[in-house]
């Protein structure tokens, strides 16, 4: 049973969390570039990419914002998510899987 959960983690959960982490980084960097004026906000492609990233990140960030409100323009919920993904992927889920009796 442990092997099944380990394979599920290795081939499904971990890649999804990694892709979500990369999407989070792209969301943050694209937001900075849009605020800095490096990327034009009126560009339809940029706007559609940002809206897509917003639609997949906002449902996770919104509940965290209830407990940790933004400090001015600094959104700490994104930081919490960025710290939680590697913690879950690399430490917590493997520990739980190895705690399952053979």
C-alpha atoms as a PDB file:
ATOM      1  CA  UNK A   1       0.000   0.000   0.000  1.00  0.00           C
ATOM      2  CA  UNK A   2       2.874   2.323   0.793  1.00  0.00           C
ATOM      3  CA  UNK A   3       4.308   1.755  -2.681  1.00  0.00           C
ATOM      4  CA  UNK A   4       1.018   2.766  -4.256  1.00  0.00           C
ATOM      5  CA  UNK A   5       0.895   6.031  -2.286  1.00  0.00           C
ATOM      6  CA  UNK A   6       4.556   6.703  -3.016  1.00  0.00           C
ATOM      7  CA  UNK A   7       3.967   6.199  -6.750  1.00  0.00           C
ATOM      8  CA  UNK A   8       0.904   8.447  -6.550  1.00  0.00           C
ATOM      9  CA  UNK A   9       2.990  11.109  -4.851  1.00  0.00           C
ATOM     10  CA  UNK A  10       5.931  10.752  -7.224  1.00  0.00           C
ATOM     11  CA  UNK A  11       4.051  10.667 -10.507  1.00  0.00           C
ATOM     12  CA  UNK A  12       0.933  12.745  -9.781  1.00  0.00           C
ATOM     13  CA  UNK A  13       0.915  14.922  -6.647  1.00  0.00           C
ATOM     14  CA  UNK A  14       4.506  16.156  -6.775  1.00  0.00           C
ATOM     15  CA  UNK A  15       4.386  17.215 -10.460  1.00  0.00           C
ATOM     16  CA  UNK A  16       1.067  19.016  -9.939  1.00  0.00           C
ATOM     17  CA  UNK A  17       2.448  20.884  -6.935  1.00  0.00           C
ATOM     18  CA  UNK A  18       5.591  21.758  -8.906  1.00  0.00           C
ATOM     19  CA  UNK A  19       3.553  23.097 -11.834  1.00  0.00           C
ATOM     20  CA  UNK A  20       1.411  25.107  -9.408  1.00  0.00           C
ATOM     21  CA  UNK A  21       4.573  26.513  -7.786  1.00  0.00           C
ATOM     22  CA  UNK A  22       5.931  27.559 -11.192  1.00  0.00           C
ATOM     23  CA  UNK A  23       2.573  29.160 -12.037  1.00  0.00           C
ATOM     24  CA  UNK A  24       2.749  31.048  -8.746  1.00  0.00           C
ATOM     25  CA  UNK A  25       6.225  32.343  -9.577  1.00  0.00           C
ATOM     26  CA  UNK A  26       5.111  33.401 -13.063  1.00  0.00           C
ATOM     27  CA  UNK A  27       2.077  35.137 -11.524  1.00  0.00           C
ATOM     28  CA  UNK A  28       4.261  37.111  -9.111  1.00  0.00           C
ATOM     29  CA  UNK A  29       6.903  38.041 -11.695  1.00  0.00           C
ATOM     30  CA  UNK A  30       4.285  39.003 -14.279  1.00  0.00           C
ATOM     31  CA  UNK A  31       2.546  41.152 -11.675  1.00  0.00           C
ATOM     32  CA  UNK A  32       5.817  42.937 -10.905  1.00  0.00           C
ATOM     33  CA  UNK A  33       6.510  43.468 -14.607  1.00  0.00           C
ATOM     34  CA  UNK A  34       3.027  44.865 -15.140  1.00  0.00           C
ATOM     35  CA  UNK A  35       3.344  47.238 -12.167  1.00  0.00           C
ATOM     36  CA  UNK A  36       6.793  48.342 -13.312  1.00  0.00           C
ATOM     37  CA  UNK A  37       5.568  49.111 -16.802  1.00  0.00           C
ATOM     38  CA  UNK A  38       7.895  46.603 -18.455  1.00  0.00           C
ATOM     39  CA  UNK A  39       4.941  44.614 -19.804  1.00  0.00           C
ATOM     40  CA  UNK A  40       2.000  46.505 -21.276  1.00  0.00           C
ATOM     41  CA  UNK A  41      -1.273  45.941 -19.396  1.00  0.00           C
ATOM     42  CA  UNK A  42      -3.286  46.611 -22.553  1.00  0.00           C
ATOM     43  CA  UNK A  43      -1.737  43.652 -24.385  1.00  0.00           C
ATOM     44  CA  UNK A  44      -4.482  41.037 -24.754  1.00  0.00           C
ATOM     45  CA  UNK A  45      -2.069  38.088 -24.508  1.00  0.00           C
ATOM     46  CA  UNK A  46      -0.493  39.364 -21.295  1.00  0.00           C
ATOM     47  CA  UNK A  47      -3.906  40.115 -19.843  1.00  0.00           C
ATOM     48  CA  UNK A  48      -5.244  36.642 -20.684  1.00  0.00           C
ATOM     49  CA  UNK A  49      -2.174  34.920 -19.181  1.00  0.00           C
ATOM     50  CA  UNK A  50      -2.482  37.009 -16.027  1.00  0.00           C
ATOM     51  CA  UNK A  51      -6.223  36.308 -15.755  1.00  0.00           C
ATOM     52  CA  UNK A  52      -5.619  32.578 -16.168  1.00  0.00           C
ATOM     53  CA  UNK A  53      -2.954  32.579 -13.464  1.00  0.00           C
ATOM     54  CA  UNK A  54      -5.210  34.699 -11.254  1.00  0.00           C
ATOM     55  CA  UNK A  55      -8.054  32.204 -11.710  1.00  0.00           C
ATOM     56  CA  UNK A  56      -5.948  29.259 -10.521  1.00  0.00           C
ATOM     57  CA  UNK A  57      -4.113  31.053  -7.697  1.00  0.00           C
ATOM     58  CA  UNK A  58      -6.881  33.195  -6.228  1.00  0.00           C
ATOM     59  CA  UNK A  59      -9.048  30.291  -4.935  1.00  0.00           C
ATOM     60  CA  UNK A  60      -6.099  29.123  -2.833  1.00  0.00           C
ATOM     61  CA  UNK A  61      -4.968  32.600  -1.752  1.00  0.00           C
ATOM     62  CA  UNK A  62      -8.408  33.936  -0.774  1.00  0.00           C
ATOM     63  CA  UNK A  63      -8.894  31.748   2.351  1.00  0.00           C
ATOM     64  CA  UNK A  64      -5.361  32.553   3.507  1.00  0.00           C
ATOM     65  CA  UNK A  65      -6.050  36.281   3.136  1.00  0.00           C
ATOM     66  CA  UNK A  66      -8.830  35.991   5.710  1.00  0.00           C
ATOM     67  CA  UNK A  67      -6.212  35.129   8.332  1.00  0.00           C
ATOM     68  CA  UNK A  68      -3.235  37.070   6.941  1.00  0.00           C
ATOM     69  CA  UNK A  69      -4.366  40.341   5.340  1.00  0.00           C
ATOM     70  CA  UNK A  70      -2.102  42.125   2.828  1.00  0.00           C
ATOM     71  CA  UNK A  71       0.370  44.630   4.245  1.00  0.00           C
ATOM     72  CA  UNK A  72      -0.062  47.575   1.896  1.00  0.00           C
ATOM     73  CA  UNK A  73       0.813  46.255  -1.533  1.00  0.00           C
ATOM     74  CA  UNK A  74       2.601  43.171  -0.142  1.00  0.00           C
ATOM     75  CA  UNK A  75       0.369  40.101  -0.347  1.00  0.00           C
ATOM     76  CA  UNK A  76       1.620  37.653   2.265  1.00  0.00           C
ATOM     77  CA  UNK A  77      -0.824  34.927   1.234  1.00  0.00           C
ATOM     78  CA  UNK A  78       1.256  34.320  -1.896  1.00  0.00           C
ATOM     79  CA  UNK A  79       4.356  33.968   0.293  1.00  0.00           C
ATOM     80  CA  UNK A  80       2.555  31.475   2.527  1.00  0.00           C
ATOM     81  CA  UNK A  81       1.548  29.418  -0.510  1.00  0.00           C
ATOM     82  CA  UNK A  82       5.091  29.597  -1.903  1.00  0.00           C
ATOM     83  CA  UNK A  83       6.445  28.261   1.392  1.00  0.00           C
ATOM     84  CA  UNK A  84       3.707  25.661   1.861  1.00  0.00           C
ATOM     85  CA  UNK A  85       4.073  23.957  -1.523  1.00  0.00           C
ATOM     86  CA  UNK A  86       7.686  22.766  -1.073  1.00  0.00           C
ATOM     87  CA  UNK A  87       6.946  21.908   2.559  1.00  0.00           C
ATOM     88  CA  UNK A  88       4.027  19.698   1.541  1.00  0.00           C
ATOM     89  CA  UNK A  89       5.706  18.226  -1.524  1.00  0.00           C
ATOM     90  CA  UNK A  90       9.140  17.524  -0.073  1.00  0.00           C
ATOM     91  CA  UNK A  91       8.581  16.908   3.629  1.00  0.00           C
ATOM     92  CA  UNK A  92       5.037  16.392   4.912  1.00  0.00           C
ATOM     93  CA  UNK A  93       3.560  14.094   2.257  1.00  0.00           C
ATOM     94  CA  UNK A  94       6.623  11.764   2.154  1.00  0.00           C
ATOM     95  CA  UNK A  95       6.606  11.586   5.974  1.00  0.00           C
ATOM     96  CA  UNK A  96       2.936  10.642   6.007  1.00  0.00           C
ATOM     97  CA  UNK A  97       3.488   8.032   3.304  1.00  0.00           C
ATOM     98  CA  UNK A  98       6.393   6.448   5.180  1.00  0.00           C
ATOM     99  CA  UNK A  99       4.297   6.378   8.366  1.00  0.00           C
ATOM    100  CA  UNK A 100       1.853   3.991   6.656  1.00  0.00           C
ATOM    101  CA  UNK A 101       2.512   0.440   7.835  1.00  0.00           C
ATOM    102  CA  UNK A 102       3.676  -1.997   5.205  1.00  0.00           C
END
